[in-house]
Amino acid sequence: MVQAQNLQDSAYLNTVASVTIAPIGQGEELSTYVAQAVKVIRDSGLSNETNAMSTVIEGDLSEVMQIVEKATRALAEQGYRTEVSLKLDIRQGKRSQIHQKVELINKILQ
C-alpha cells in the first residue's frame, strides 16, 4: 500500500494557478460574465480563492488545466471572444501551497 501511495505522489504535480477569464468587448462591467467562470471553478471541488484580480486554484496539474478549460468554455461556448490570463506554479511533492505560502509571508511580517 505504501508503494502505491509513493507512485501516486510521484505522479502528482501540485499546481497553484492564478487565472483570469473574461469576455472581450462586453462593456465596462464584466462581473456577471466572470461569475460564470468562477462558479465552474468553485464547483470543481479544488481548493480556490477569488480576489479582485483573479482566482487562485490548487490541485494536480491535469485537474487544474481541465477546470481552466471548463471555466473558459463557460463563456466561449456562448459565443463570447474570451481572454484568459494564466500563471502556474508547479512543484512536485508539495500540497496545500495556496495557504502555506500566505502563512509563511504573514509569519515573516510579524
N, C-alpha and C. Protein backbone atom coordinates (compact mmCIF):
# COMPACT_ATOMS: atom_id res chain seq x y z
N MET A 1 0.83 -1.20 0.00
CA MET A 1 0.00 0.00 0.00
C MET A 1 0.87 1.26 0.00
N VAL A 2 1.96 1.26 0.76
CA VAL A 2 2.85 2.41 0.80
C VAL A 2 3.48 2.64 -0.57
N GLN A 3 3.85 1.55 -1.27
CA GLN A 3 4.43 1.68 -2.61
C GLN A 3 3.43 2.32 -3.57
N ALA A 4 2.16 1.93 -3.49
CA ALA A 4 1.13 2.52 -4.35
C ALA A 4 0.98 4.01 -4.06
N GLN A 5 1.04 4.40 -2.78
CA GLN A 5 0.94 5.81 -2.41
C GLN A 5 2.12 6.60 -2.96
N ASN A 6 3.34 6.02 -2.88
CA ASN A 6 4.52 6.70 -3.41
C ASN A 6 4.41 6.90 -4.92
N LEU A 7 3.89 5.90 -5.65
CA LEU A 7 3.70 6.04 -7.08
C LEU A 7 2.69 7.13 -7.38
N GLN A 8 1.62 7.16 -6.57
CA GLN A 8 0.59 8.18 -6.76
C GLN A 8 1.17 9.57 -6.50
N ASP A 9 1.97 9.73 -5.44
CA ASP A 9 2.56 11.02 -5.11
C ASP A 9 3.56 11.46 -6.17
N SER A 10 4.33 10.51 -6.75
CA SER A 10 5.32 10.89 -7.75
C SER A 10 4.64 11.37 -9.04
N ALA A 11 3.43 10.92 -9.29
CA ALA A 11 2.70 11.37 -10.48
C ALA A 11 1.98 12.69 -10.24
N TYR A 12 1.78 13.06 -8.99
CA TYR A 12 1.05 14.27 -8.63
C TYR A 12 1.96 15.49 -8.79
N LEU A 13 1.55 16.44 -9.59
CA LEU A 13 2.28 17.70 -9.73
C LEU A 13 1.44 18.82 -9.16
N ASN A 14 1.75 19.19 -7.92
CA ASN A 14 0.97 20.24 -7.28
C ASN A 14 1.09 21.53 -8.09
N THR A 15 -0.06 22.10 -8.39
CA THR A 15 -0.11 23.30 -9.21
C THR A 15 -0.96 24.36 -8.53
N VAL A 16 -0.37 25.52 -8.35
CA VAL A 16 -1.12 26.70 -7.92
C VAL A 16 -1.24 27.58 -9.15
N ALA A 17 -2.46 27.85 -9.55
CA ALA A 17 -2.72 28.62 -10.76
C ALA A 17 -3.45 29.91 -10.41
N SER A 18 -3.01 30.98 -11.02
CA SER A 18 -3.73 32.25 -10.96
C SER A 18 -4.35 32.44 -12.33
N VAL A 19 -5.68 32.53 -12.37
CA VAL A 19 -6.37 32.59 -13.66
C VAL A 19 -7.38 33.74 -13.67
N THR A 20 -7.42 34.43 -14.79
CA THR A 20 -8.42 35.46 -15.04
C THR A 20 -9.09 35.11 -16.36
N ILE A 21 -10.40 34.97 -16.33
CA ILE A 21 -11.17 34.62 -17.53
C ILE A 21 -12.27 35.65 -17.70
N ALA A 22 -12.28 36.31 -18.84
CA ALA A 22 -13.28 37.35 -19.08
C ALA A 22 -13.54 37.52 -20.57
N PRO A 23 -14.76 37.92 -20.92
CA PRO A 23 -15.05 38.16 -22.34
C PRO A 23 -14.47 39.50 -22.77
N ILE A 24 -14.22 39.62 -24.06
CA ILE A 24 -13.74 40.87 -24.63
C ILE A 24 -14.90 41.55 -25.35
N GLY A 25 -15.00 42.87 -25.21
CA GLY A 25 -15.99 43.62 -25.96
C GLY A 25 -17.39 43.59 -25.37
N GLN A 26 -17.50 43.32 -24.09
CA GLN A 26 -18.82 43.24 -23.46
C GLN A 26 -19.09 44.41 -22.51
N GLY A 27 -18.36 45.48 -22.68
CA GLY A 27 -18.61 46.66 -21.86
C GLY A 27 -17.64 46.80 -20.71
N GLU A 28 -17.96 47.75 -19.85
CA GLU A 28 -17.07 48.09 -18.74
C GLU A 28 -17.20 47.13 -17.55
N GLU A 29 -18.40 46.70 -17.23
CA GLU A 29 -18.63 45.84 -16.06
C GLU A 29 -18.76 44.39 -16.51
N LEU A 30 -17.85 43.55 -16.06
CA LEU A 30 -17.80 42.16 -16.50
C LEU A 30 -18.16 41.14 -15.42
N SER A 31 -18.60 41.62 -14.26
CA SER A 31 -18.84 40.73 -13.12
C SER A 31 -19.79 39.58 -13.42
N THR A 32 -20.86 39.82 -14.15
CA THR A 32 -21.82 38.74 -14.42
C THR A 32 -21.20 37.65 -15.29
N TYR A 33 -20.29 38.04 -16.17
CA TYR A 33 -19.61 37.06 -17.02
C TYR A 33 -18.55 36.30 -16.21
N VAL A 34 -17.74 37.06 -15.47
CA VAL A 34 -16.68 36.46 -14.66
C VAL A 34 -17.28 35.48 -13.64
N ALA A 35 -18.42 35.83 -13.08
CA ALA A 35 -19.07 34.95 -12.10
C ALA A 35 -19.38 33.57 -12.69
N GLN A 36 -19.68 33.51 -13.96
CA GLN A 36 -19.96 32.22 -14.60
C GLN A 36 -18.71 31.33 -14.60
N ALA A 37 -17.56 31.92 -14.89
CA ALA A 37 -16.30 31.17 -14.87
C ALA A 37 -15.92 30.78 -13.44
N VAL A 38 -16.10 31.70 -12.51
CA VAL A 38 -15.77 31.43 -11.11
C VAL A 38 -16.65 30.31 -10.55
N LYS A 39 -17.92 30.27 -10.94
CA LYS A 39 -18.82 29.21 -10.48
C LYS A 39 -18.29 27.83 -10.89
N VAL A 40 -17.81 27.72 -12.11
CA VAL A 40 -17.25 26.44 -12.58
C VAL A 40 -16.07 26.04 -11.70
N ILE A 41 -15.20 27.01 -11.40
CA ILE A 41 -14.03 26.73 -10.56
C ILE A 41 -14.45 26.32 -9.16
N ARG A 42 -15.38 27.06 -8.56
CA ARG A 42 -15.83 26.73 -7.21
C ARG A 42 -16.53 25.38 -7.15
N ASP A 43 -17.28 25.05 -8.17
CA ASP A 43 -17.99 23.76 -8.21
C ASP A 43 -17.05 22.58 -8.45
N SER A 44 -15.80 22.85 -8.82
CA SER A 44 -14.86 21.78 -9.16
C SER A 44 -14.42 20.95 -7.96
N GLY A 45 -14.49 21.54 -6.77
CA GLY A 45 -14.00 20.84 -5.58
C GLY A 45 -12.53 21.09 -5.31
N LEU A 46 -11.83 21.74 -6.23
CA LEU A 46 -10.43 22.08 -5.98
C LEU A 46 -10.37 23.28 -5.04
N SER A 47 -9.31 23.35 -4.28
CA SER A 47 -9.09 24.48 -3.39
C SER A 47 -8.97 25.74 -4.25
N ASN A 48 -9.67 26.81 -3.88
CA ASN A 48 -9.63 28.04 -4.67
C ASN A 48 -9.97 29.25 -3.84
N GLU A 49 -9.50 30.39 -4.30
CA GLU A 49 -9.80 31.68 -3.67
C GLU A 49 -9.93 32.72 -4.78
N THR A 50 -10.95 33.56 -4.68
CA THR A 50 -11.15 34.62 -5.67
C THR A 50 -10.88 35.96 -5.02
N ASN A 51 -10.14 36.81 -5.73
CA ASN A 51 -9.91 38.18 -5.26
C ASN A 51 -10.31 39.14 -6.37
N ALA A 52 -10.00 40.40 -6.22
CA ALA A 52 -10.45 41.41 -7.18
C ALA A 52 -9.83 41.26 -8.57
N MET A 53 -8.70 40.56 -8.68
CA MET A 53 -7.98 40.48 -9.94
C MET A 53 -7.96 39.09 -10.59
N SER A 54 -8.15 38.03 -9.79
CA SER A 54 -8.04 36.68 -10.35
C SER A 54 -8.61 35.66 -9.38
N THR A 55 -8.61 34.42 -9.83
CA THR A 55 -8.96 33.31 -8.96
C THR A 55 -7.75 32.39 -8.90
N VAL A 56 -7.39 31.98 -7.70
CA VAL A 56 -6.27 31.06 -7.49
C VAL A 56 -6.86 29.68 -7.25
N ILE A 57 -6.30 28.69 -7.95
CA ILE A 57 -6.77 27.30 -7.86
C ILE A 57 -5.58 26.43 -7.51
N GLU A 58 -5.80 25.38 -6.71
CA GLU A 58 -4.72 24.44 -6.41
C GLU A 58 -5.19 23.01 -6.61
N GLY A 59 -4.34 22.21 -7.23
CA GLY A 59 -4.61 20.80 -7.42
C GLY A 59 -3.53 20.20 -8.31
N ASP A 60 -3.75 18.97 -8.75
CA ASP A 60 -2.83 18.35 -9.68
C ASP A 60 -2.89 19.10 -11.01
N LEU A 61 -1.76 19.18 -11.71
CA LEU A 61 -1.67 19.92 -12.96
C LEU A 61 -2.80 19.57 -13.92
N SER A 62 -3.06 18.29 -14.12
CA SER A 62 -4.10 17.90 -15.09
C SER A 62 -5.49 18.35 -14.64
N GLU A 63 -5.76 18.28 -13.34
CA GLU A 63 -7.06 18.73 -12.83
C GLU A 63 -7.23 20.24 -12.99
N VAL A 64 -6.19 20.98 -12.66
CA VAL A 64 -6.24 22.44 -12.78
C VAL A 64 -6.48 22.85 -14.23
N MET A 65 -5.76 22.22 -15.14
CA MET A 65 -5.91 22.58 -16.55
C MET A 65 -7.31 22.23 -17.07
N GLN A 66 -7.86 21.11 -16.61
CA GLN A 66 -9.22 20.74 -17.02
C GLN A 66 -10.23 21.77 -16.55
N ILE A 67 -10.07 22.25 -15.32
CA ILE A 67 -11.01 23.23 -14.77
C ILE A 67 -10.85 24.58 -15.47
N VAL A 68 -9.62 24.97 -15.78
CA VAL A 68 -9.41 26.22 -16.51
C VAL A 68 -10.10 26.13 -17.88
N GLU A 69 -9.96 25.00 -18.54
CA GLU A 69 -10.63 24.83 -19.84
C GLU A 69 -12.15 24.87 -19.68
N LYS A 70 -12.67 24.18 -18.69
CA LYS A 70 -14.12 24.14 -18.48
C LYS A 70 -14.66 25.54 -18.16
N ALA A 71 -13.94 26.29 -17.33
CA ALA A 71 -14.36 27.65 -16.98
C ALA A 71 -14.30 28.57 -18.20
N THR A 72 -13.29 28.38 -19.04
CA THR A 72 -13.17 29.17 -20.26
C THR A 72 -14.33 28.85 -21.20
N ARG A 73 -14.66 27.58 -21.34
CA ARG A 73 -15.75 27.17 -22.21
C ARG A 73 -17.10 27.73 -21.75
N ALA A 74 -17.24 27.97 -20.44
CA ALA A 74 -18.50 28.52 -19.93
C ALA A 74 -18.83 29.84 -20.62
N LEU A 75 -17.82 30.61 -21.00
CA LEU A 75 -18.04 31.86 -21.72
C LEU A 75 -17.90 31.69 -23.23
N ALA A 76 -16.83 31.02 -23.65
CA ALA A 76 -16.53 30.91 -25.08
C ALA A 76 -17.63 30.19 -25.85
N GLU A 77 -18.24 29.18 -25.24
CA GLU A 77 -19.29 28.44 -25.93
C GLU A 77 -20.60 29.21 -26.04
N GLN A 78 -20.68 30.37 -25.37
CA GLN A 78 -21.83 31.25 -25.54
C GLN A 78 -21.59 32.24 -26.69
N GLY A 79 -20.43 32.13 -27.32
CA GLY A 79 -20.11 32.99 -28.44
C GLY A 79 -19.26 34.19 -28.10
N TYR A 80 -18.87 34.34 -26.83
CA TYR A 80 -18.05 35.47 -26.43
C TYR A 80 -16.58 35.22 -26.79
N ARG A 81 -15.95 36.23 -27.36
CA ARG A 81 -14.49 36.16 -27.51
C ARG A 81 -13.95 36.26 -26.09
N THR A 82 -13.16 35.27 -25.69
CA THR A 82 -12.79 35.14 -24.28
C THR A 82 -11.28 35.24 -24.11
N GLU A 83 -10.87 36.08 -23.18
CA GLU A 83 -9.45 36.26 -22.87
C GLU A 83 -9.13 35.51 -21.58
N VAL A 84 -8.03 34.78 -21.59
CA VAL A 84 -7.60 34.03 -20.41
C VAL A 84 -6.16 34.41 -20.09
N SER A 85 -5.94 34.79 -18.85
CA SER A 85 -4.60 35.03 -18.34
C SER A 85 -4.33 33.94 -17.31
N LEU A 86 -3.23 33.22 -17.50
CA LEU A 86 -2.95 32.06 -16.65
C LEU A 86 -1.49 32.05 -16.22
N LYS A 87 -1.26 31.90 -14.93
CA LYS A 87 0.09 31.78 -14.39
C LYS A 87 0.11 30.54 -13.51
N LEU A 88 1.12 29.67 -13.69
CA LEU A 88 1.20 28.41 -12.96
C LEU A 88 2.47 28.33 -12.14
N ASP A 89 2.35 27.80 -10.93
CA ASP A 89 3.49 27.46 -10.07
C ASP A 89 3.37 25.97 -9.80
N ILE A 90 4.27 25.17 -10.37
CA ILE A 90 4.18 23.71 -10.30
C ILE A 90 5.33 23.19 -9.46
N ARG A 91 5.00 22.43 -8.40
CA ARG A 91 6.02 21.90 -7.50
C ARG A 91 5.68 20.46 -7.11
N GLN A 92 6.46 19.54 -7.60
CA GLN A 92 6.26 18.14 -7.25
C GLN A 92 6.55 17.94 -5.77
N GLY A 93 5.75 17.11 -5.13
CA GLY A 93 5.98 16.78 -3.73
C GLY A 93 5.40 17.77 -2.74
N LYS A 94 4.70 18.78 -3.20
CA LYS A 94 4.09 19.77 -2.32
C LYS A 94 2.57 19.64 -2.38
N ARG A 95 1.92 20.13 -1.34
CA ARG A 95 0.46 20.21 -1.28
C ARG A 95 0.10 21.40 -0.39
N SER A 96 -1.11 21.88 -0.51
CA SER A 96 -1.64 22.97 0.34
C SER A 96 -0.82 24.25 0.24
N GLN A 97 -0.22 24.50 -0.89
CA GLN A 97 0.58 25.71 -1.07
C GLN A 97 -0.27 26.97 -1.14
N ILE A 98 -1.52 26.85 -1.53
CA ILE A 98 -2.41 28.00 -1.64
C ILE A 98 -2.51 28.74 -0.30
N HIS A 99 -2.41 28.00 0.80
CA HIS A 99 -2.50 28.60 2.13
C HIS A 99 -1.12 28.74 2.78
N GLN A 100 -0.25 27.77 2.58
CA GLN A 100 1.06 27.79 3.23
C GLN A 100 1.92 28.96 2.77
N LYS A 101 1.82 29.35 1.52
CA LYS A 101 2.61 30.49 1.02
C LYS A 101 2.20 31.77 1.74
N VAL A 102 0.91 31.96 1.91
CA VAL A 102 0.41 33.17 2.59
C VAL A 102 0.80 33.13 4.07
N GLU A 103 0.69 31.95 4.69
CA GLU A 103 1.07 31.83 6.11
C GLU A 103 2.53 32.16 6.33
N LEU A 104 3.40 31.72 5.41
CA LEU A 104 4.83 32.00 5.54
C LEU A 104 5.09 33.50 5.43
N ILE A 105 4.46 34.17 4.49
CA ILE A 105 4.63 35.64 4.37
C ILE A 105 4.15 36.32 5.64
N ASN A 106 2.98 35.92 6.15
CA ASN A 106 2.46 36.53 7.38
C ASN A 106 3.39 36.30 8.56
N LYS A 107 3.99 35.13 8.64
CA LYS A 107 4.92 34.82 9.72
C LYS A 107 6.16 35.72 9.62
N ILE A 108 6.68 35.90 8.43
CA ILE A 108 7.84 36.75 8.23
C ILE A 108 7.53 38.20 8.61
N LEU A 109 6.32 38.65 8.33
CA LEU A 109 5.93 40.04 8.60
C LEU A 109 5.63 40.32 10.08
N GLN A 110 5.53 39.30 10.89
CA GLN A 110 5.20 39.52 12.31
C GLN A 110 6.36 40.11 13.06
